Each structure stands twice: as C-alpha cells, then as structure tokens.
C-alpha atoms as a PDB file:
ATOM      1  CA  MET A   1     -53.691 219.345 238.748  1.00  0.00           C
ATOM      2  CA  THR A   2     -54.234 219.036 242.100  1.00  0.00           C
ATOM      3  CA  HIS A   3     -51.334 220.283 245.260  1.00  0.00           C
ATOM      4  CA  ASP A   4     -52.267 217.732 247.835  1.00  0.00           C
ATOM      5  CA  PRO A   5     -49.263 215.587 248.621  1.00  0.00           C
ATOM      6  CA  ILE A   6     -50.476 212.451 246.477  1.00  0.00           C
ATOM      7  CA  SER A   7     -50.382 214.182 243.622  1.00  0.00           C
ATOM      8  CA  ARG A   8     -47.176 216.197 244.650  1.00  0.00           C
ATOM      9  CA  PHE A   9     -45.465 212.922 244.896  1.00  0.00           C
ATOM     10  CA  ARG A  10     -46.801 211.350 241.609  1.00  0.00           C
ATOM     11  CA  ARG A  11     -45.662 214.409 239.837  1.00  0.00           C
ATOM     12  CA  PHE A  12     -42.119 213.583 240.891  1.00  0.00           C
ATOM     13  CA  ALA A  13     -42.490 210.253 240.274  1.00  0.00           C
ATOM     14  CA  ARG A  14     -43.521 210.824 236.654  1.00  0.00           C
ATOM     15  CA  SER A  15     -40.537 212.850 236.422  1.00  0.00           C
ATOM     16  CA  VAL A  16     -37.654 210.693 237.497  1.00  0.00           C
ATOM     17  CA  THR A  17     -38.929 207.920 235.077  1.00  0.00           C
ATOM     18  CA  THR A  18     -38.572 210.625 232.403  1.00  0.00           C
ATOM     19  CA  GLU A  19     -35.398 212.178 233.145  1.00  0.00           C
ATOM     20  CA  VAL A  20     -33.371 208.454 234.059  1.00  0.00           C
ATOM     21  CA  GLY A  21     -35.106 206.801 230.975  1.00  0.00           C
ATOM     22  CA  ALA A  22     -37.273 204.249 232.481  1.00  0.00           C
ATOM     23  CA  LEU A  23     -39.655 204.379 230.033  1.00  0.00           C
ATOM     24  CA  ASP A  24     -37.008 203.612 226.909  1.00  0.00           C
ATOM     25  CA  GLU A  25     -36.342 200.225 225.760  1.00  0.00           C
ATOM     26  CA  SER A  26     -33.076 201.056 224.977  1.00  0.00           C
ATOM     27  CA  PHE A  27     -31.774 202.659 228.390  1.00  0.00           C
ATOM     28  CA  LEU A  28     -29.323 205.199 227.340  1.00  0.00           C
ATOM     29  CA  GLY A  29     -29.412 204.080 223.717  1.00  0.00           C
ATOM     30  CA  ARG A  30     -27.218 200.910 225.113  1.00  0.00           C
ATOM     31  CA  GLY A  31     -30.066 198.389 223.429  1.00  0.00           C
ATOM     32  CA  ARG A  32     -31.286 197.216 226.795  1.00  0.00           C
ATOM     33  CA  SER A  33     -33.685 197.585 229.125  1.00  0.00           C
ATOM     34  CA  LEU A  34     -33.230 199.615 232.568  1.00  0.00           C
ATOM     35  CA  GLY A  35     -33.958 196.363 234.290  1.00  0.00           C
ATOM     36  CA  ALA A  36     -30.672 194.887 232.534  1.00  0.00           C
ATOM     37  CA  ALA A  37     -28.837 197.725 232.411  1.00  0.00           C
ATOM     38  CA  ARG A  38     -29.037 198.231 236.341  1.00  0.00           C
ATOM     39  CA  VAL A  39     -28.302 194.588 236.800  1.00  0.00           C
ATOM     40  CA  LEU A  40     -25.130 194.956 235.261  1.00  0.00           C
ATOM     41  CA  ASN A  41     -24.396 198.186 236.907  1.00  0.00           C
ATOM     42  CA  ALA A  42     -24.948 196.547 240.547  1.00  0.00           C
ATOM     43  CA  ILE A  43     -22.479 193.425 239.355  1.00  0.00           C
ATOM     44  CA  GLY A  44     -19.967 196.225 238.222  1.00  0.00           C
ATOM     45  CA  HIS A  45     -19.900 197.396 241.986  1.00  0.00           C
ATOM     46  CA  GLY A  46     -19.491 194.462 243.643  1.00  0.00           C
ATOM     47  CA  HIS A  47     -22.545 192.652 244.211  1.00  0.00           C
ATOM     48  CA  ALA A  48     -21.082 189.399 242.311  1.00  0.00           C
ATOM     49  CA  ASP A  49     -23.719 187.040 244.864  1.00  0.00           C
ATOM     50  CA  VAL A  50     -26.627 186.076 243.122  1.00  0.00           C
ATOM     51  CA  ALA A  51     -28.530 186.263 246.349  1.00  0.00           C
ATOM     52  CA  ASP A  52     -27.115 189.625 247.659  1.00  0.00           C
ATOM     53  CA  LEU A  53     -27.927 191.017 244.045  1.00  0.00           C
ATOM     54  CA  ARG A  54     -31.665 189.929 244.664  1.00  0.00           C
ATOM     55  CA  THR A  55     -31.783 191.487 247.934  1.00  0.00           C
ATOM     56  CA  TYR A  56     -30.014 194.711 247.084  1.00  0.00           C
ATOM     57  CA  LEU A  57     -32.019 195.443 243.816  1.00  0.00           C
ATOM     58  CA  ASN A  58     -35.467 193.966 245.578  1.00  0.00           C
ATOM     59  CA  LEU A  59     -35.995 191.885 242.414  1.00  0.00           C
ATOM     60  CA  ASP A  60     -37.862 188.561 242.435  1.00  0.00           C
ATOM     61  CA  SER A  61     -35.807 185.541 241.672  1.00  0.00           C
ATOM     62  CA  GLY A  62     -37.796 185.110 238.306  1.00  0.00           C
ATOM     63  CA  LEU A  63     -37.229 188.506 236.730  1.00  0.00           C
ATOM     64  CA  LEU A  64     -33.598 188.253 238.562  1.00  0.00           C
ATOM     65  CA  SER A  65     -33.060 185.130 236.551  1.00  0.00           C
ATOM     66  CA  ARG A  66     -34.357 186.265 233.203  1.00  0.00           C
ATOM     67  CA  LEU A  67     -32.198 189.413 233.316  1.00  0.00           C
ATOM     68  CA  LEU A  68     -28.971 187.561 234.154  1.00  0.00           C
ATOM     69  CA  ARG A  69     -30.004 184.739 231.538  1.00  0.00           C
ATOM     70  CA  GLN A  70     -30.056 188.151 228.859  1.00  0.00           C
ATOM     71  CA  LEU A  71     -26.887 189.439 230.063  1.00  0.00           C
ATOM     72  CA  GLU A  72     -25.258 185.691 229.870  1.00  0.00           C
ATOM     73  CA  GLY A  73     -26.575 185.657 226.535  1.00  0.00           C
ATOM     74  CA  GLU A  74     -25.474 188.908 225.397  1.00  0.00           C
ATOM     75  CA  ASP A  75     -21.820 187.385 227.067  1.00  0.00           C
ATOM     76  CA  LEU A  76     -21.658 190.022 229.016  1.00  0.00           C
ATOM     77  CA  ILE A  77     -21.473 188.191 232.491  1.00  0.00           C
ATOM     78  CA  THR A  78     -20.708 184.684 233.441  1.00  0.00           C
ATOM     79  CA  LEU A  79     -22.349 182.764 236.255  1.00  0.00           C
ATOM     80  CA  SER A  80     -20.367 180.232 238.216  1.00  0.00           C
ATOM     81  CA  PRO A  81     -20.760 178.349 241.745  1.00  0.00           C
ATOM     82  CA  SER A  82     -19.465 179.997 244.654  1.00  0.00           C
ATOM     83  CA  PRO A  83     -16.237 178.635 245.666  1.00  0.00           C
ATOM     84  CA  THR A  84     -17.291 178.736 249.526  1.00  0.00           C
ATOM     85  CA  ASP A  85     -20.884 177.453 248.772  1.00  0.00           C
ATOM     86  CA  ALA A  86     -21.829 175.383 246.032  1.00  0.00           C
ATOM     87  CA  ARG A  87     -25.833 176.424 246.678  1.00  0.00           C
ATOM     88  CA  ALA A  88     -24.884 179.638 245.614  1.00  0.00           C
ATOM     89  CA  ARG A  89     -23.574 181.480 242.415  1.00  0.00           C
ATOM     90  CA  ILE A  90     -21.223 184.335 241.382  1.00  0.00           C
ATOM     91  CA  ALA A  91     -21.704 186.775 238.710  1.00  0.00           C
ATOM     92  CA  ALA A  92     -19.073 188.490 237.405  1.00  0.00           C
ATOM     93  CA  LEU A  93     -18.683 190.851 233.928  1.00  0.00           C
ATOM     94  CA  THR A  94     -16.583 189.605 230.769  1.00  0.00           C
ATOM     95  CA  LEU A  95     -14.430 191.844 229.085  1.00  0.00           C
ATOM     96  CA  ALA A  96     -17.101 193.198 227.095  1.00  0.00           C
ATOM     97  CA  GLY A  97     -19.351 193.611 230.155  1.00  0.00           C
ATOM     98  CA  LYS A  98     -16.561 195.803 231.691  1.00  0.00           C
ATOM     99  CA  ALA A  99     -16.712 197.523 228.265  1.00  0.00           C
ATOM    100  CA  GLU A 100     -20.524 198.210 228.630  1.00  0.00           C
ATOM    101  CA  PHE A 101     -20.453 199.175 232.504  1.00  0.00           C
ATOM    102  CA  THR A 102     -17.520 201.965 232.058  1.00  0.00           C
ATOM    103  CA  ALA A 103     -19.885 202.830 229.283  1.00  0.00           C
ATOM    104  CA  TYR A 104     -22.780 203.194 231.478  1.00  0.00           C
ATOM    105  CA  GLU A 105     -21.195 204.988 234.092  1.00  0.00           C
ATOM    106  CA  GLU A 106     -19.563 207.795 231.569  1.00  0.00           C
ATOM    107  CA  ILE A 107     -23.283 208.735 229.997  1.00  0.00           C
ATOM    108  CA  SER A 108     -24.679 208.355 233.441  1.00  0.00           C
ATOM    109  CA  ASN A 109     -21.742 210.536 234.923  1.00  0.00           C
ATOM    110  CA  THR A 110     -22.327 213.380 232.011  1.00  0.00           C
ATOM    111  CA  ARG A 111     -26.440 213.379 232.291  1.00  0.00           C
ATOM    112  CA  ALA A 112     -25.860 213.832 235.818  1.00  0.00           C
ATOM    113  CA  ALA A 113     -23.365 216.838 235.344  1.00  0.00           C
ATOM    114  CA  ASN A 114     -25.510 218.457 232.668  1.00  0.00           C
ATOM    115  CA  LEU A 115     -28.780 218.126 235.072  1.00  0.00           C
ATOM    116  CA  LEU A 116     -26.579 219.931 237.968  1.00  0.00           C
ATOM    117  CA  ASP A 117     -25.261 222.540 235.402  1.00  0.00           C
ATOM    118  CA  ARG A 118     -28.579 223.794 233.698  1.00  0.00           C
ATOM    119  CA  HIS A 119     -29.988 224.177 237.699  1.00  0.00           C
ATOM    120  CA  PRO A 120     -29.612 227.404 239.514  1.00  0.00           C
ATOM    121  CA  HIS A 121     -29.141 226.129 243.137  1.00  0.00           C
ATOM    122  CA  PRO A 122     -27.132 222.739 242.365  1.00  0.00           C
ATOM    123  CA  GLU A 123     -26.530 221.799 246.156  1.00  0.00           C
ATOM    124  CA  ALA A 124     -30.055 222.463 247.112  1.00  0.00           C
ATOM    125  CA  LEU A 125     -30.823 220.399 244.303  1.00  0.00           C
ATOM    126  CA  LEU A 126     -28.695 217.647 246.003  1.00  0.00           C
ATOM    127  CA  ALA A 127     -29.619 217.881 249.281  1.00  0.00           C
ATOM    128  CA  ALA A 128     -32.823 217.244 247.945  1.00  0.00           C
ATOM    129  CA  MET A 129     -31.849 213.982 246.003  1.00  0.00           C
ATOM    130  CA  ASP A 130     -29.954 213.026 249.392  1.00  0.00           C
ATOM    131  CA  LEU A 131     -33.355 213.460 251.308  1.00  0.00           C
ATOM    132  CA  ILE A 132     -35.281 211.369 249.007  1.00  0.00           C
ATOM    133  CA  ALA A 133     -32.459 209.024 248.654  1.00  0.00           C
ATOM    134  CA  SER A 134     -32.071 208.262 252.411  1.00  0.00           C
ATOM    135  CA  ALA A 135     -35.963 208.121 252.461  1.00  0.00           C
ATOM    136  CA  LEU A 136     -36.373 205.594 250.026  1.00  0.00           C
ATOM    137  CA  GLY A 137     -33.492 202.940 251.004  1.00  0.00           C
ATOM    138  CA  GLN A 138     -33.563 203.439 254.910  1.00  0.00           C
ATOM    139  CA  ASP A 139     -34.503 199.548 255.127  1.00  0.00           C
ATOM    140  CA  ARG A 140     -31.269 198.713 253.185  1.00  0.00           C
ATOM    141  CA  THR A 141     -29.001 201.069 254.972  1.00  0.00           C
ATOM    142  CA  VAL A 142     -26.497 199.080 256.702  1.00  0.00           C
ATOM    143  CA  ILE A 143     -23.903 199.421 259.416  1.00  0.00           C
ATOM    144  CA  GLU A 144     -20.628 198.351 258.531  1.00  0.00           C
ATOM    145  CA  GLU A 145     -17.148 198.355 261.127  1.00  0.00           C
ATOM    146  CA  ARG A 146     -14.362 200.817 259.327  1.00  0.00           C
ATOM    147  CA  ASP A 147     -11.495 202.171 260.080  1.00  0.00           C
ATOM    148  CA  PRO A 148     -11.946 205.369 261.581  1.00  0.00           C
ATOM    149  CA  ARG A 149      -9.117 206.769 258.960  1.00  0.00           C
ATOM    150  CA  ASP A 150     -10.301 205.499 255.923  1.00  0.00           C
ATOM    151  CA  PRO A 151     -12.132 207.770 253.232  1.00  0.00           C
ATOM    152  CA  GLN A 152     -15.660 207.226 254.384  1.00  0.00           C
ATOM    153  CA  SER A 153     -14.689 207.519 257.810  1.00  0.00           C
ATOM    154  CA  LEU A 154     -12.972 210.776 257.345  1.00  0.00           C
ATOM    155  CA  PHE A 155     -15.662 211.888 255.747  1.00  0.00           C
ATOM    156  CA  CYS A 156     -18.092 211.708 258.489  1.00  0.00           C
ATOM    157  CA  LEU A 157     -15.724 212.671 260.764  1.00  0.00           C
ATOM    158  CA  ASN A 158     -15.319 215.913 258.979  1.00  0.00           C
ATOM    159  CA  GLU A 159     -19.056 216.942 258.774  1.00  0.00           C
ATOM    160  CA  TYR A 160     -19.280 216.299 262.456  1.00  0.00           C
ATOM    161  CA  TYR A 161     -16.567 218.725 262.857  1.00  0.00           C
ATOM    162  CA  ALA A 162     -18.232 221.365 260.109  1.00  0.00           C
ATOM    163  CA  GLU A 163     -21.549 220.684 262.005  1.00  0.00           C
ATOM    164  CA  LEU A 164     -20.410 221.775 265.360  1.00  0.00           C
ATOM    165  CA  GLY A 165     -18.074 224.510 264.371  1.00  0.00           C
ATOM    166  CA  ARG A 166     -21.759 225.878 263.208  1.00  0.00           C
ATOM    167  CA  ARG A 167     -23.893 224.801 266.110  1.00  0.00           C
ATOM    168  CA  LEU A 168     -21.659 225.531 268.994  1.00  0.00           C
ATOM    169  CA  ARG A 169     -21.703 229.233 270.318  1.00  0.00           C
ATOM    170  CA  THR A 170     -17.673 228.961 270.859  1.00  0.00           C
ATOM    171  CA  GLY A 171     -17.392 227.523 267.263  1.00  0.00           C
ATOM    172  CA  PHE A 172     -15.209 223.980 267.412  1.00  0.00           C
ATOM    173  CA  ASP A 173     -11.521 223.275 267.060  1.00  0.00           C
ATOM    174  CA  VAL A 174     -10.996 219.868 266.762  1.00  0.00           C
ATOM    175  CA  ASN A 175      -7.493 220.261 267.983  1.00  0.00           C
ATOM    176  CA  LEU A 176      -8.765 221.682 271.507  1.00  0.00           C
ATOM    177  CA  SER A 177     -11.289 218.791 272.152  1.00  0.00           C
ATOM    178  CA  CYS A 178     -10.486 215.399 273.513  1.00  0.00           C
ATOM    179  CA  ASP A 179      -9.997 213.917 269.949  1.00  0.00           C
ATOM    180  CA  PRO A 180      -9.482 210.081 270.179  1.00  0.00           C
ATOM    181  CA  GLN A 181      -6.671 208.736 268.580  1.00  0.00           C
ATOM    182  CA  ALA A 182      -7.594 206.432 265.515  1.00  0.00           C
ATOM    183  CA  THR A 183      -6.200 203.260 267.644  1.00  0.00           C
ATOM    184  CA  ASP A 184      -8.677 203.876 270.420  1.00  0.00           C
ATOM    185  CA  MET A 185     -11.678 203.407 267.890  1.00  0.00           C
ATOM    186  CA  ILE A 186      -9.743 200.088 266.362  1.00  0.00           C
ATOM    187  CA  PRO A 187     -10.039 196.428 267.264  1.00  0.00           C
ATOM    188  CA  PRO A 188      -9.259 195.312 270.258  1.00  0.00           C
ATOM    189  CA  ARG A 189      -9.200 198.721 272.042  1.00  0.00           C
ATOM    190  CA  GLY A 190     -12.604 200.371 270.430  1.00  0.00           C
ATOM    191  CA  ALA A 191     -14.689 200.524 266.959  1.00  0.00           C
ATOM    192  CA  PHE A 192     -16.001 202.847 264.203  1.00  0.00           C
ATOM    193  CA  LEU A 193     -19.083 202.177 262.858  1.00  0.00           C
ATOM    194  CA  VAL A 194     -20.068 203.857 259.654  1.00  0.00           C
ATOM    195  CA  ALA A 195     -23.792 203.722 258.113  1.00  0.00           C
ATOM    196  CA  LEU A 196     -23.926 203.322 254.484  1.00  0.00           C
ATOM    197  CA  SER A 197     -26.935 204.064 252.521  1.00  0.00           C
ATOM    198  CA  ASP A 198     -26.139 202.639 249.014  1.00  0.00           C
ATOM    199  CA  GLY A 199     -22.392 202.945 249.637  1.00  0.00           C
ATOM    200  CA  MET A 200     -23.073 206.647 250.811  1.00  0.00           C
ATOM    201  CA  PRO A 201     -21.792 207.474 254.405  1.00  0.00           C
ATOM    202  CA  ILE A 202     -24.524 209.078 256.293  1.00  0.00           C
ATOM    203  CA  GLY A 203     -23.299 208.282 259.443  1.00  0.00           C
ATOM    204  CA  CYS A 204     -21.403 207.413 262.152  1.00  0.00           C
ATOM    205  CA  VAL A 205     -20.435 206.451 265.593  1.00  0.00           C
ATOM    206  CA  GLY A 206     -17.139 205.544 267.478  1.00  0.00           C
ATOM    207  CA  VAL A 207     -16.325 203.542 270.378  1.00  0.00           C
ATOM    208  CA  LYS A 208     -12.913 205.064 272.130  1.00  0.00           C
ATOM    209  CA  GLY A 209     -11.451 202.248 274.221  1.00  0.00           C
ATOM    210  CA  SER A 210      -8.539 201.951 276.670  1.00  0.00           C
ATOM    211  CA  GLY A 211      -8.341 198.264 277.127  1.00  0.00           C
ATOM    212  CA  ALA A 212     -10.143 199.051 280.445  1.00  0.00           C
ATOM    213  CA  PRO A 213     -13.756 197.636 281.195  1.00  0.00           C
ATOM    214  CA  ILE A 214     -15.062 201.752 280.988  1.00  0.00           C
ATOM    215  CA  ALA A 215     -15.104 203.329 277.666  1.00  0.00           C
ATOM    216  CA  GLU A 216     -16.313 206.328 275.707  1.00  0.00           C
ATOM    217  CA  ILE A 217     -18.922 206.619 272.608  1.00  0.00           C
ATOM    218  CA  LYS A 218     -17.318 209.682 270.757  1.00  0.00           C
ATOM    219  CA  ARG A 219     -18.420 211.283 267.358  1.00  0.00           C
ATOM    220  CA  LEU A 220     -21.991 209.966 266.761  1.00  0.00           C
ATOM    221  CA  TRP A 221     -23.139 211.745 263.495  1.00  0.00           C
ATOM    222  CA  ILE A 222     -25.807 211.839 261.188  1.00  0.00           C
ATOM    223  CA  ALA A 223     -26.309 213.450 257.849  1.00  0.00           C
ATOM    224  CA  PRO A 224     -28.719 215.939 257.669  1.00  0.00           C
ATOM    225  CA  SER A 225     -30.652 213.747 254.991  1.00  0.00           C
ATOM    226  CA  ALA A 226     -30.876 210.812 257.216  1.00  0.00           C
ATOM    227  CA  ARG A 227     -32.137 212.421 260.485  1.00  0.00           C
ATOM    228  CA  GLY A 228     -35.855 211.575 261.905  1.00  0.00           C
ATOM    229  CA  LEU A 229     -35.057 207.970 260.345  1.00  0.00           C
ATOM    230  CA  GLY A 230     -33.776 206.468 263.364  1.00  0.00           C
ATOM    231  CA  MET A 231     -30.191 206.293 262.234  1.00  0.00           C
ATOM    232  CA  ALA A 232     -28.949 207.782 265.612  1.00  0.00           C
ATOM    233  CA  LYS A 233     -30.794 204.911 267.919  1.00  0.00           C
ATOM    234  CA  ARG A 234     -29.431 202.071 265.235  1.00  0.00           C
ATOM    235  CA  LEU A 235     -25.634 203.396 265.449  1.00  0.00           C
ATOM    236  CA  MET A 236     -25.897 203.857 268.990  1.00  0.00           C
ATOM    237  CA  THR A 237     -27.551 200.136 269.887  1.00  0.00           C
ATOM    238  CA  ALA A 238     -24.885 198.950 267.495  1.00  0.00           C
ATOM    239  CA  ALA A 239     -21.899 200.551 268.976  1.00  0.00           C
ATOM    240  CA  GLU A 240     -23.211 198.891 272.222  1.00  0.00           C
ATOM    241  CA  THR A 241     -23.296 195.509 271.032  1.00  0.00           C
ATOM    242  CA  ARG A 242     -19.825 196.034 269.850  1.00  0.00           C
ATOM    243  CA  ALA A 243     -18.527 197.586 273.138  1.00  0.00           C
ATOM    244  CA  LYS A 244     -19.610 194.482 274.736  1.00  0.00           C
ATOM    245  CA  ALA A 245     -18.207 192.220 272.325  1.00  0.00           C
ATOM    246  CA  LEU A 246     -15.039 193.630 272.914  1.00  0.00           C
ATOM    247  CA  GLY A 247     -15.411 193.122 276.903  1.00  0.00           C
ATOM    248  CA  ILE A 248     -16.720 196.612 277.766  1.00  0.00           C
ATOM    249  CA  GLN A 249     -18.769 196.926 281.299  1.00  0.00           C
ATOM    250  CA  THR A 250     -19.544 201.036 281.156  1.00  0.00           C
ATOM    251  CA  LEU A 251     -19.715 203.463 278.334  1.00  0.00           C
ATOM    252  CA  ARG A 252     -19.687 206.807 278.996  1.00  0.00           C
ATOM    253  CA  LEU A 253     -20.269 210.062 276.475  1.00  0.00           C
ATOM    254  CA  ASP A 254     -20.534 213.830 276.957  1.00  0.00           C
ATOM    255  CA  THR A 255     -22.248 216.376 274.689  1.00  0.00           C
ATOM    256  CA  ASN A 256     -23.167 219.853 274.268  1.00  0.00           C
ATOM    257  CA  SER A 257     -26.524 221.752 275.447  1.00  0.00           C
ATOM    258  CA  ALA A 258     -26.149 222.847 271.809  1.00  0.00           C
ATOM    259  CA  LEU A 259     -27.236 219.315 270.535  1.00  0.00           C
ATOM    260  CA  PRO A 260     -30.904 218.754 271.929  1.00  0.00           C
ATOM    261  CA  GLU A 261     -31.668 215.951 269.938  1.00  0.00           C
ATOM    262  CA  ALA A 262     -28.649 214.378 271.195  1.00  0.00           C
ATOM    263  CA  ILE A 263     -29.693 214.567 274.631  1.00  0.00           C
ATOM    264  CA  ARG A 264     -32.903 213.891 274.166  1.00  0.00           C
ATOM    265  CA  LEU A 265     -31.807 210.483 272.516  1.00  0.00           C
ATOM    266  CA  TYR A 266     -29.664 209.401 275.723  1.00  0.00           C
ATOM    267  CA  GLN A 267     -32.001 210.324 278.194  1.00  0.00           C
ATOM    268  CA  THR A 268     -34.516 208.121 276.134  1.00  0.00           C
ATOM    269  CA  THR A 269     -32.431 205.154 275.857  1.00  0.00           C
ATOM    270  CA  GLY A 270     -31.146 204.176 278.985  1.00  0.00           C
ATOM    271  CA  TRP A 271     -28.226 206.410 279.777  1.00  0.00           C
ATOM    272  CA  THR A 272     -27.747 208.278 283.391  1.00  0.00           C
ATOM    273  CA  GLU A 273     -26.735 211.996 283.308  1.00  0.00           C
ATOM    274  CA  ILE A 274     -23.523 211.645 285.660  1.00  0.00           C
ATOM    275  CA  ASP A 275     -20.536 214.663 286.773  1.00  0.00           C
ATOM    276  CA  ARG A 276     -17.898 215.755 284.487  1.00  0.00           C
ATOM    277  CA  PHE A 277     -15.321 213.102 283.619  1.00  0.00           C
ATOM    278  CA  ASN A 278     -12.917 215.062 281.610  1.00  0.00           C
ATOM    279  CA  ASP A 279     -11.599 218.051 280.788  1.00  0.00           C
ATOM    280  CA  ASP A 280     -12.743 218.757 277.416  1.00  0.00           C
ATOM    281  CA  PRO A 281     -13.835 222.566 276.856  1.00  0.00           C
ATOM    282  CA  TYR A 282     -16.772 222.007 274.821  1.00  0.00           C
ATOM    283  CA  PRO A 283     -19.508 219.612 276.421  1.00  0.00           C
ATOM    284  CA  ASP A 284     -21.344 220.521 279.382  1.00  0.00           C
ATOM    285  CA  PHE A 285     -23.764 217.376 279.588  1.00  0.00           C
ATOM    286  CA  PHE A 286     -22.250 214.090 280.869  1.00  0.00           C
ATOM    287  CA  PHE A 287     -23.874 210.632 280.632  1.00  0.00           C
ATOM    288  CA  GLU A 288     -22.997 206.701 281.514  1.00  0.00           C
ATOM    289  CA  LYS A 289     -24.569 203.389 280.577  1.00  0.00           C
ATOM    290  CA  THR A 290     -23.896 200.280 282.233  1.00  0.00           C
ATOM    291  CA  LEU A 291     -24.187 197.386 279.504  1.00  0.00           C
END
C-alpha cells in the first residue's frame, strides 16, 4: 500500500462506505438499501418537491423514480401534484413513513455518538468531517436571507465574535463594538445572509442600513472548514446584490489588520481604502465601494 494522495483518498472512501453501511442490502437493518433510506430521509427533512429532491441528492431521474416507487409501494410515502404547479410532484411521508424516518434518525444518531465516544479526540474528528463535508458539498451550498436573531444566524455571529477574541491583540468585547441592531439588518433597512451547507451554517454577512443611500457591510464570517472555497466572495457578491435591491448606492466596511485575508479580499474585489468613518475601537482599515 502506497501513501500517495490518491491512495489516501481511496482508503478514506473505503472506510466511509464500510462505516455507514453503504454495502449492506439492508441499511441499518431496516430492510432497504442506502439509496431508498436516503430518499426517505431527505423527504423527512423537508425536500418534498421531487425536482428539488433530485437536485439535492444528485440522482438521475430514472433512479429516483424507482426509489420513489419502492417507497410508495411500501406505503411510506405518497406522491401528489403540486397545488401551485401541475407539472411538479410533491412527496410526503405517511404515518408509517414518519415512523420509519424516526427509526433511522435514532439509529443514525446512536451510531454517530458511539463513534465520537470511542475516539480520543472527538473535536478534531468533527473538524475533519466538517472540512470534508464543506469540500464535497461546496457546489450545493446555498445563501439564504435570515433574521439576524434566528438560531443559525446567532451561531454564525457568536463564532465570529469568538474568533475576533482569539485573533485581535486586544481581544474582542461585542459591547464595546459598533454592533448593529438587528433591525438595521432586516428589510427595508438592511439584510442578513447565511451560507448553508446541507442545512449547516458555514458563513454569514450583514448589510447594516439606515434608510439612507449609504450602508455598511458587517460581520463577514466563514467557518474554518469552508475557507479557501470562495465562500467569502460569494457572500460579499450576494450582499452587494441585496444592497442594490434595497436602493443602497454606496457600501462601507471596516476591518482589522489582524485579518489579512479579509483585507486582501476587499483590495481585490473593487473596494477602495478610505479614512476612518466611525469611532469603533477595533478596526484600523476602512473601505468603500460604489454599487
């Protein structure tokens, strides 16, 4: 066995297929293949539209149709026309399907907990899993507008504050920062965007508005597992697009020299360095961009 990158990748792939039971005819002992179980799981997690389901699971239409027919034949799902689009079909779990979905969830959660319990460094293992999941799912990462007070938004913001606390020489106290009010990042004044990788928040950015034609970019954060994949640029582009739609003509932002990757991003995406425009004690670089 060699130790070149391809061999290491394939060793990992073999380990994963064995651990998750991908080779078993009865996935997790429930009497159906991994493919059928995965479709059932996706429907249970809200991917009801069949076209959305096909895109989410990256399945060809023929295979998905066969798996749906199997689940329908087991009385685990129903298929019906969409009430808003006669060309679309909607999948829904039956009572039996909901029970089977719950059983899969409980078994899967237990297996995950057992694997983490027997590893000496579970946080390092989870960090490696996050890195791989972000890399494999980067083409399926979506950016959604959220209330900055919802749980996924708050997760991103708290991770952002914690990272600033580690990286800034002075530490970081959000109470001393010009922290925007939530209403400044909600339409019609502004917006808050969250990047989601299979439902997991991996990045955020806010547009802090006041109703004037000038607004600020605030709280750009990318999870360590998703860095280097272009997510910061995607979020910034989405924020600029949303700002335009809100009638904002000029954006400003501030940052700290302890965040050189952020400074490079702004310098290479059309932002111009300007004089200080606020009394926030933490930033030492200031930028502006005309939309």
